[in-house]
Amino acid sequence: MKLLLCLSLCLALCLVGVTGLRCIQDVGCTPEEQAGLNCRFGYLPDPCNKCRCAKGPGEVCGGPWGFSGKCAKGLVCDKDPEDFNADGTCRHVF
């Protein structure tokens, strides 16, 4: 019984470590980075503070930790709020 409990605890700890987000330190969204991207809807930092293009209407957004992208100003990511891993679509705010 103790062995089963110990194995279960080890498995649980491994799963927690796998689902965590770890980022390498970045300087953020600098003008130099922005110049190399040529974004139509502006620039936003990703979850690790790297410079990414903002998503426009109809583009994919969301995903785990928002790595599929964030929507530009005036748009929302229409996705399943119950599903952490779900992708959504950028839509206008009404």
Protein backbone atom coordinates (compact mmCIF):
# COMPACT_ATOMS: atom_id res chain seq x y z
CA MET A 1 0.00 0.00 0.00
CA LYS A 2 2.81 2.38 0.88
CA LEU A 3 4.51 1.63 -2.44
CA LEU A 4 1.33 2.46 -4.37
CA LEU A 5 0.92 5.72 -2.45
CA CYS A 6 4.56 6.66 -3.07
CA LEU A 7 4.29 5.88 -6.80
CA SER A 8 1.08 7.91 -7.05
CA LEU A 9 2.74 10.88 -5.35
CA CYS A 10 5.76 10.69 -7.67
CA LEU A 11 3.51 10.55 -10.74
CA ALA A 12 1.51 13.55 -9.53
CA LEU A 13 4.69 15.59 -8.98
CA CYS A 14 5.95 14.72 -12.47
CA LEU A 15 2.68 15.82 -14.07
CA VAL A 16 2.79 19.16 -12.23
CA GLY A 17 6.32 19.77 -13.53
CA VAL A 18 5.31 18.97 -17.11
CA THR A 19 2.38 21.40 -17.22
CA GLY A 20 4.30 24.40 -15.87
CA LEU A 21 5.42 27.33 -18.02
CA ARG A 22 9.10 28.23 -18.00
CA CYS A 23 10.42 31.18 -19.99
CA ILE A 24 13.89 32.42 -20.78
CA GLN A 25 14.32 36.04 -19.70
CA ASP A 26 13.75 38.45 -22.57
CA VAL A 27 14.12 42.22 -22.82
CA GLY A 28 10.56 42.67 -24.03
CA CYS A 29 9.13 44.13 -27.19
CA THR A 30 11.88 46.53 -28.30
CA PRO A 31 11.66 48.84 -31.33
CA GLU A 32 14.33 46.71 -33.03
CA GLU A 33 12.19 43.59 -32.63
CA GLN A 34 9.10 45.46 -33.85
CA ALA A 35 10.91 46.64 -36.98
CA GLY A 36 11.65 43.05 -37.98
CA LEU A 37 8.04 41.88 -37.60
CA ASN A 38 5.96 44.24 -39.82
CA CYS A 39 2.68 43.67 -37.93
CA ARG A 40 -0.62 44.81 -39.41
CA PHE A 41 -2.53 45.05 -36.09
CA GLY A 42 0.24 46.18 -33.74
CA TYR A 43 2.54 44.42 -31.32
CA LEU A 44 1.91 42.59 -28.05
CA PRO A 45 4.17 40.59 -25.73
CA ASP A 46 3.61 36.84 -25.60
CA PRO A 47 3.49 34.99 -22.25
CA CYS A 48 7.32 34.97 -22.17
CA ASN A 49 7.52 38.72 -22.95
CA LYS A 50 8.72 38.22 -26.53
CA CYS A 51 7.39 40.60 -29.16
CA ARG A 52 4.60 39.11 -31.31
CA CYS A 53 2.11 40.48 -33.81
CA ALA A 54 -1.37 41.12 -32.43
CA LYS A 55 -4.07 39.03 -34.09
CA GLY A 56 -6.76 40.56 -36.28
CA PRO A 57 -10.42 39.67 -36.87
CA GLY A 58 -10.91 36.00 -37.75
CA GLU A 59 -7.37 34.98 -36.76
CA VAL A 60 -6.57 32.20 -34.27
CA CYS A 61 -5.90 33.27 -30.67
CA GLY A 62 -5.70 31.73 -27.20
CA GLY A 63 -4.23 28.29 -26.65
CA PRO A 64 -2.23 27.22 -23.60
CA TRP A 65 -0.92 30.36 -21.87
CA GLY A 66 -2.05 32.38 -24.91
CA PHE A 67 0.72 31.09 -27.19
CA SER A 68 -1.65 31.00 -30.18
CA GLY A 69 -1.73 34.78 -29.91
CA LYS A 70 -3.52 37.74 -28.41
CA CYS A 71 -6.09 39.87 -30.18
CA ALA A 72 -5.49 43.49 -31.16
CA LYS A 73 -7.17 46.37 -29.32
CA GLY A 74 -10.95 46.35 -29.81
CA LEU A 75 -11.05 42.57 -30.35
CA VAL A 76 -11.68 39.66 -28.00
CA CYS A 77 -10.61 36.03 -28.21
CA ASP A 78 -13.82 34.04 -28.59
CA LYS A 79 -12.94 30.62 -27.11
CA ASP A 80 -14.21 28.06 -24.66
CA PRO A 81 -13.49 29.57 -21.22
CA GLU A 82 -13.61 26.12 -19.62
CA ASP A 83 -10.84 24.67 -21.83
CA PHE A 84 -7.37 25.98 -20.91
CA ASN A 85 -5.87 24.53 -24.11
CA ALA A 86 -8.56 25.81 -26.48
CA ASP A 87 -7.80 28.04 -29.43
CA GLY A 88 -10.31 30.71 -30.30
CA THR A 89 -10.94 33.34 -32.95
CA CYS A 90 -10.51 37.10 -32.66
CA ARG A 91 -13.82 38.93 -32.96
CA HIS A 92 -14.93 42.56 -32.66
CA VAL A 93 -16.27 43.73 -29.31
CA PHE A 94 -19.89 44.89 -29.57
